[in-house]
Amino acid sequence: MKFSVCSEFFEGWKWEDVFSYAAKTGYDGVELAHFTICDSVEDVSQIERTRLKDAAARAGIEVAGIHWVLISPKGLHVSHPDKAVRAKTAAYFHALIDFCADLGGRVIVIGSPKNRNVLDPLTPEQAWDFARETFAQCCDHAGERDVMLCIEPLGSDQTDFINRPDQGLSFVHAVDHPNFQLILDVYSMNCEKVDMAQAIQDCAEHLAHFHANDDNKSWPGSGSVDYAPVAQALKQIEYRHYASVEVFDFKPDPETIAGSAIRFLRGTFG
């Protein structure tokens, strides 16, 4: 297993400094949130992409992937009733795939709860079909660029579309492409009262990324989640991808969050 850290809680830091600090602290990778530097990834030139990729390499860190991918630009939605909006969203996913690959990343986390909520007048079944069609248009391109699209089940306090691991797994099966897989998130699973160890085992074949956090929205080990069964389950399925620290509470500071998280993860997972 490898460990990465999400970039957005390093508010105000240059990406080069994030790479260097993550490497120094003991992480293997950084998971990037593009909105910290641009509104749209299409605005990031090839020269800048190469510069960022080289900066990560110089720091001795991998770009694990990207997340919060639909937070900007505005007007994107994977299952919007308007076909033109869905087409625009699919086109942007093609841009995200190229952006991720150009940085050396391998995973695109599909969270973005507001951009996947079921919108009137759609039924949940219609939204499901529209979302499946949106992602199906992008999967071959993801395969060509060696990028994995990962749907993230999120708590029902965040979205009404795919809340539990079993729903995420069903959606992966519906899309039915080797470059469309699953990410599990500890905070969201806890919100839905999911048996995390069982979910990891059930989703083992399609689990390509993992978000580590806690029930207090902060770093793993800072709350009351029992990580022992989680660690044991990931070991049992021989999980070899990233466990990435994602927090929603940026206090007290990046150094405390990143340092405390990596010590806990390495102590718990080995």
Protein backbone atom coordinates (compact mmCIF):
# COMPACT_ATOMS: atom_id res chain seq x y z
CA MET A 1 0.00 0.00 0.00
CA LYS A 2 1.08 3.56 -0.74
CA PHE A 3 0.11 6.74 1.08
CA SER A 4 -0.80 10.09 -0.42
CA VAL A 5 -2.18 13.37 0.85
CA CYS A 6 -4.78 15.65 -0.73
CA SER A 7 -3.53 19.11 -1.61
CA GLU A 8 -6.42 21.46 -0.84
CA PHE A 9 -5.79 21.85 2.88
CA PHE A 10 -2.37 23.31 2.06
CA GLU A 11 -4.16 26.59 1.43
CA GLY A 12 -1.89 29.27 0.02
CA TRP A 13 1.05 26.91 -0.58
CA LYS A 14 2.75 26.56 -3.94
CA TRP A 15 2.37 23.10 -5.40
CA GLU A 16 6.17 22.70 -5.43
CA ASP A 17 6.20 23.28 -1.67
CA VAL A 18 3.35 20.80 -1.17
CA PHE A 19 5.32 18.16 -3.11
CA SER A 20 8.47 18.78 -1.10
CA TYR A 21 6.71 18.77 2.26
CA ALA A 22 4.75 15.61 1.46
CA ALA A 23 7.92 13.79 0.45
CA LYS A 24 9.80 15.00 3.52
CA THR A 25 6.93 13.95 5.80
CA GLY A 26 6.92 10.40 4.41
CA TYR A 27 4.16 10.31 1.79
CA ASP A 28 4.51 8.50 -1.52
CA GLY A 29 2.14 10.75 -3.45
CA VAL A 30 0.01 13.88 -3.58
CA GLU A 31 -3.62 13.93 -4.74
CA LEU A 32 -4.30 17.25 -6.43
CA ALA A 33 -7.33 19.51 -6.37
CA HIS A 34 -7.12 21.61 -9.53
CA PHE A 35 -9.30 24.43 -8.22
CA THR A 36 -6.41 25.58 -6.04
CA ILE A 37 -4.67 26.88 -9.17
CA CYS A 38 -7.28 27.22 -11.90
CA ASP A 39 -10.98 27.33 -12.66
CA SER A 40 -10.73 24.83 -15.50
CA VAL A 41 -7.96 22.34 -16.25
CA GLU A 42 -8.26 23.41 -19.87
CA ASP A 43 -6.65 26.70 -18.80
CA VAL A 44 -3.44 24.94 -17.67
CA SER A 45 -0.92 24.97 -20.50
CA GLN A 46 1.18 22.01 -21.52
CA ILE A 47 4.25 23.89 -20.34
CA GLU A 48 2.75 24.36 -16.88
CA ARG A 49 1.68 20.72 -16.73
CA THR A 50 5.19 19.59 -17.54
CA ARG A 51 6.60 21.99 -14.95
CA LEU A 52 4.36 20.56 -12.24
CA LYS A 53 5.10 16.97 -13.22
CA ASP A 54 8.83 17.71 -13.13
CA ALA A 55 8.51 19.46 -9.77
CA ALA A 56 6.89 16.37 -8.28
CA ALA A 57 9.62 14.17 -9.73
CA ARG A 58 12.35 16.41 -8.30
CA ALA A 59 10.72 16.17 -4.87
CA GLY A 60 10.62 12.39 -5.16
CA ILE A 61 6.84 12.28 -4.99
CA GLU A 62 4.17 10.80 -7.29
CA VAL A 63 1.06 12.60 -8.45
CA ALA A 64 -1.45 10.02 -7.26
CA GLY A 65 -4.32 11.60 -9.16
CA ILE A 66 -6.91 14.38 -8.98
CA HIS A 67 -10.18 14.92 -7.09
CA TRP A 68 -13.00 17.46 -6.55
CA VAL A 69 -12.96 17.51 -10.33
CA LEU A 70 -16.36 19.12 -11.03
CA ILE A 71 -16.23 21.88 -8.42
CA SER A 72 -15.29 24.18 -11.28
CA PRO A 73 -15.96 25.39 -13.91
CA LYS A 74 -19.64 25.99 -13.26
CA GLY A 75 -22.49 24.32 -15.09
CA LEU A 76 -21.35 20.68 -15.12
CA HIS A 77 -23.52 17.73 -14.10
CA VAL A 78 -23.19 14.03 -14.94
CA SER A 79 -26.93 13.29 -15.19
CA HIS A 80 -28.50 16.65 -16.00
CA PRO A 81 -31.90 16.49 -17.75
CA ASP A 82 -30.45 18.72 -20.49
CA LYS A 83 -28.50 16.60 -22.97
CA ALA A 84 -26.26 19.57 -23.81
CA VAL A 85 -25.11 19.84 -20.17
CA ARG A 86 -24.32 16.14 -20.08
CA ALA A 87 -22.36 16.44 -23.31
CA LYS A 88 -20.41 19.38 -21.90
CA THR A 89 -19.66 17.37 -18.76
CA ALA A 90 -18.46 14.36 -20.75
CA ALA A 91 -16.22 16.64 -22.82
CA TYR A 92 -14.75 18.08 -19.63
CA PHE A 93 -14.00 14.59 -18.36
CA HIS A 94 -11.92 14.06 -21.49
CA ALA A 95 -9.99 17.20 -20.54
CA LEU A 96 -9.62 15.94 -16.96
CA ILE A 97 -8.25 12.63 -18.21
CA ASP A 98 -5.57 14.41 -20.25
CA PHE A 99 -4.75 16.77 -17.38
CA CYS A 100 -4.35 13.90 -14.93
CA ALA A 101 -2.22 11.85 -17.31
CA ASP A 102 -0.06 14.84 -18.27
CA LEU A 103 0.81 15.29 -14.58
CA GLY A 104 1.66 11.60 -14.25
CA GLY A 105 -1.50 10.83 -12.28
CA ARG A 106 -3.38 7.57 -12.46
CA VAL A 107 -6.68 8.18 -10.62
CA ILE A 108 -9.58 10.60 -11.08
CA VAL A 109 -11.83 10.59 -8.03
CA ILE A 110 -15.47 11.22 -8.94
CA GLY A 111 -16.94 12.78 -5.82
CA SER A 112 -18.46 16.19 -6.59
CA PRO A 113 -21.81 15.56 -4.83
CA LYS A 114 -23.68 18.60 -6.13
CA ASN A 115 -22.79 17.66 -9.70
CA ARG A 116 -24.46 14.28 -9.48
CA ASN A 117 -27.59 14.85 -7.38
CA VAL A 118 -30.80 13.60 -8.99
CA LEU A 119 -32.46 16.64 -10.57
CA ASP A 120 -36.15 17.17 -11.25
CA PRO A 121 -37.96 15.86 -13.20
CA LEU A 122 -35.71 12.79 -13.39
CA THR A 123 -36.33 9.58 -11.49
CA PRO A 124 -33.34 7.98 -9.77
CA GLU A 125 -33.35 5.33 -12.49
CA GLN A 126 -33.19 7.94 -15.26
CA ALA A 127 -30.36 9.77 -13.48
CA TRP A 128 -28.50 6.47 -13.15
CA ASP A 129 -28.80 5.79 -16.87
CA PHE A 130 -27.75 9.30 -17.86
CA ALA A 131 -24.71 9.18 -15.56
CA ARG A 132 -23.73 5.79 -16.92
CA GLU A 133 -23.92 7.15 -20.47
CA THR A 134 -21.79 10.16 -19.52
CA PHE A 135 -18.98 8.05 -18.10
CA ALA A 136 -19.20 5.39 -20.79
CA GLN A 137 -18.21 8.06 -23.33
CA CYS A 138 -14.94 8.68 -21.49
CA CYS A 139 -13.69 5.24 -20.51
CA ASP A 140 -11.87 4.31 -23.71
CA HIS A 141 -9.97 7.61 -23.56
CA ALA A 142 -9.10 6.86 -19.93
CA GLY A 143 -7.75 3.51 -21.02
CA GLU A 144 -5.62 5.12 -23.71
CA ARG A 145 -4.09 7.50 -21.14
CA ASP A 146 -3.75 4.82 -18.42
CA VAL A 147 -6.07 6.70 -16.07
CA MET A 148 -8.67 5.14 -13.75
CA LEU A 149 -12.03 6.86 -13.27
CA CYS A 150 -13.24 6.05 -9.74
CA ILE A 151 -16.78 6.64 -8.52
CA GLU A 152 -16.90 7.57 -4.83
CA PRO A 153 -19.91 6.60 -2.70
CA LEU A 154 -20.66 9.65 -0.53
CA GLY A 155 -22.84 10.05 2.53
CA SER A 156 -26.50 10.90 2.14
CA ASP A 157 -25.78 14.23 3.85
CA GLN A 158 -23.83 15.17 0.72
CA THR A 159 -25.73 13.65 -2.20
CA ASP A 160 -28.68 11.44 -3.08
CA PHE A 161 -26.80 9.56 -5.81
CA ILE A 162 -24.65 6.55 -4.80
CA ASN A 163 -24.25 6.65 -1.03
CA ARG A 164 -23.15 3.13 -0.16
CA PRO A 165 -20.36 0.87 -1.41
CA ASP A 166 -22.82 -1.67 -2.78
CA GLN A 167 -24.46 1.07 -4.88
CA GLY A 168 -21.06 2.18 -6.14
CA LEU A 169 -20.20 -1.38 -7.03
CA SER A 170 -23.47 -1.77 -8.94
CA PHE A 171 -22.66 1.40 -10.88
CA VAL A 172 -19.18 0.11 -11.73
CA HIS A 173 -20.80 -3.04 -13.07
CA ALA A 174 -23.28 -0.94 -15.06
CA VAL A 175 -20.53 1.10 -16.74
CA ASP A 176 -18.62 -2.15 -17.31
CA HIS A 177 -15.18 -0.89 -18.31
CA PRO A 178 -11.77 -1.78 -16.84
CA ASN A 179 -10.93 1.92 -16.48
CA PHE A 180 -14.01 2.67 -14.40
CA GLN A 181 -13.59 1.48 -10.83
CA LEU A 182 -14.37 2.33 -7.21
CA ILE A 183 -12.99 4.44 -4.39
CA LEU A 184 -14.12 4.01 -0.78
CA ASP A 185 -14.05 6.83 1.78
CA VAL A 186 -13.90 6.18 5.53
CA TYR A 187 -15.88 9.29 6.54
CA SER A 188 -18.70 8.55 4.11
CA MET A 189 -18.86 4.87 5.02
CA ASN A 190 -19.04 5.82 8.69
CA CYS A 191 -21.86 8.29 7.97
CA GLU A 192 -23.85 5.50 6.32
CA LYS A 193 -23.05 3.05 9.16
CA VAL A 194 -21.36 0.70 6.72
CA ASP A 195 -19.41 -2.34 7.91
CA MET A 196 -16.17 -1.06 6.42
CA ALA A 197 -14.21 -4.29 6.60
CA GLN A 198 -17.01 -6.18 4.85
CA ALA A 199 -17.37 -3.45 2.22
CA ILE A 200 -13.65 -3.60 1.44
CA GLN A 201 -13.86 -7.35 0.98
CA ASP A 202 -17.02 -7.14 -1.12
CA CYS A 203 -15.50 -4.47 -3.37
CA ALA A 204 -11.99 -5.94 -3.52
CA GLU A 205 -12.03 -6.69 -7.25
CA HIS A 206 -12.87 -3.10 -8.16
CA LEU A 207 -11.28 -1.08 -5.34
CA ALA A 208 -8.71 1.21 -6.99
CA HIS A 209 -8.35 4.07 -4.46
CA PHE A 210 -9.09 4.76 -0.79
CA HIS A 211 -9.70 7.95 1.21
CA ALA A 212 -8.53 7.91 4.80
CA ASN A 213 -10.16 10.36 7.22
CA ASP A 214 -12.24 10.16 10.40
CA ASP A 215 -15.73 10.72 11.76
CA ASN A 216 -14.79 14.26 12.87
CA LYS A 217 -14.00 15.26 9.25
CA SER A 218 -10.30 15.43 10.07
CA TRP A 219 -7.25 13.21 9.69
CA PRO A 220 -7.34 9.44 10.26
CA GLY A 221 -6.77 8.65 13.90
CA SER A 222 -8.09 11.97 15.16
CA GLY A 223 -11.65 10.72 15.69
CA SER A 224 -13.33 7.57 16.92
CA VAL A 225 -13.29 5.31 13.83
CA ASP A 226 -11.81 1.89 14.62
CA TYR A 227 -9.18 1.50 11.93
CA ALA A 228 -8.00 -1.97 12.97
CA PRO A 229 -10.68 -3.86 10.96
CA VAL A 230 -10.12 -1.51 8.01
CA ALA A 231 -6.38 -2.18 8.01
CA GLN A 232 -6.92 -5.91 8.37
CA ALA A 233 -9.40 -6.01 5.48
CA LEU A 234 -7.11 -4.05 3.15
CA LYS A 235 -4.29 -6.42 4.07
CA GLN A 236 -6.47 -9.46 3.41
CA ILE A 237 -7.40 -8.29 -0.09
CA GLU A 238 -3.73 -7.42 -0.75
CA TYR A 239 -4.61 -3.82 -1.55
CA ARG A 240 -1.66 -2.20 -3.35
CA HIS A 241 -3.06 1.18 -4.39
CA TYR A 242 -3.11 4.51 -2.56
CA ALA A 243 -4.67 5.32 0.78
CA SER A 244 -5.02 9.08 0.54
CA VAL A 245 -5.57 11.50 3.41
CA GLU A 246 -8.57 13.74 2.71
CA VAL A 247 -9.89 16.09 5.38
CA PHE A 248 -12.78 18.53 5.41
CA ASP A 249 -11.66 20.46 8.49
CA PHE A 250 -8.43 22.30 7.69
CA LYS A 251 -7.62 23.12 11.31
CA PRO A 252 -5.24 23.41 13.02
CA ASP A 253 -2.71 23.65 10.16
CA PRO A 254 -1.34 21.62 7.22
CA GLU A 255 1.78 20.48 9.06
CA THR A 256 -0.18 19.03 11.98
CA ILE A 257 -2.73 17.34 9.72
CA ALA A 258 -0.20 15.82 7.32
CA GLY A 259 2.27 14.79 9.99
CA SER A 260 -0.27 13.29 12.37
CA ALA A 261 -2.00 11.42 9.53
CA ILE A 262 1.12 9.78 8.11
CA ARG A 263 2.30 8.68 11.55
CA PHE A 264 -1.08 7.10 12.20
CA LEU A 265 -1.30 5.43 8.80
CA ARG A 266 2.18 3.95 8.88
CA GLY A 267 1.65 2.82 12.46
CA THR A 268 -1.71 1.25 11.65
CA PHE A 269 -1.11 -0.16 8.20
CA GLY A 270 2.64 -0.76 8.41
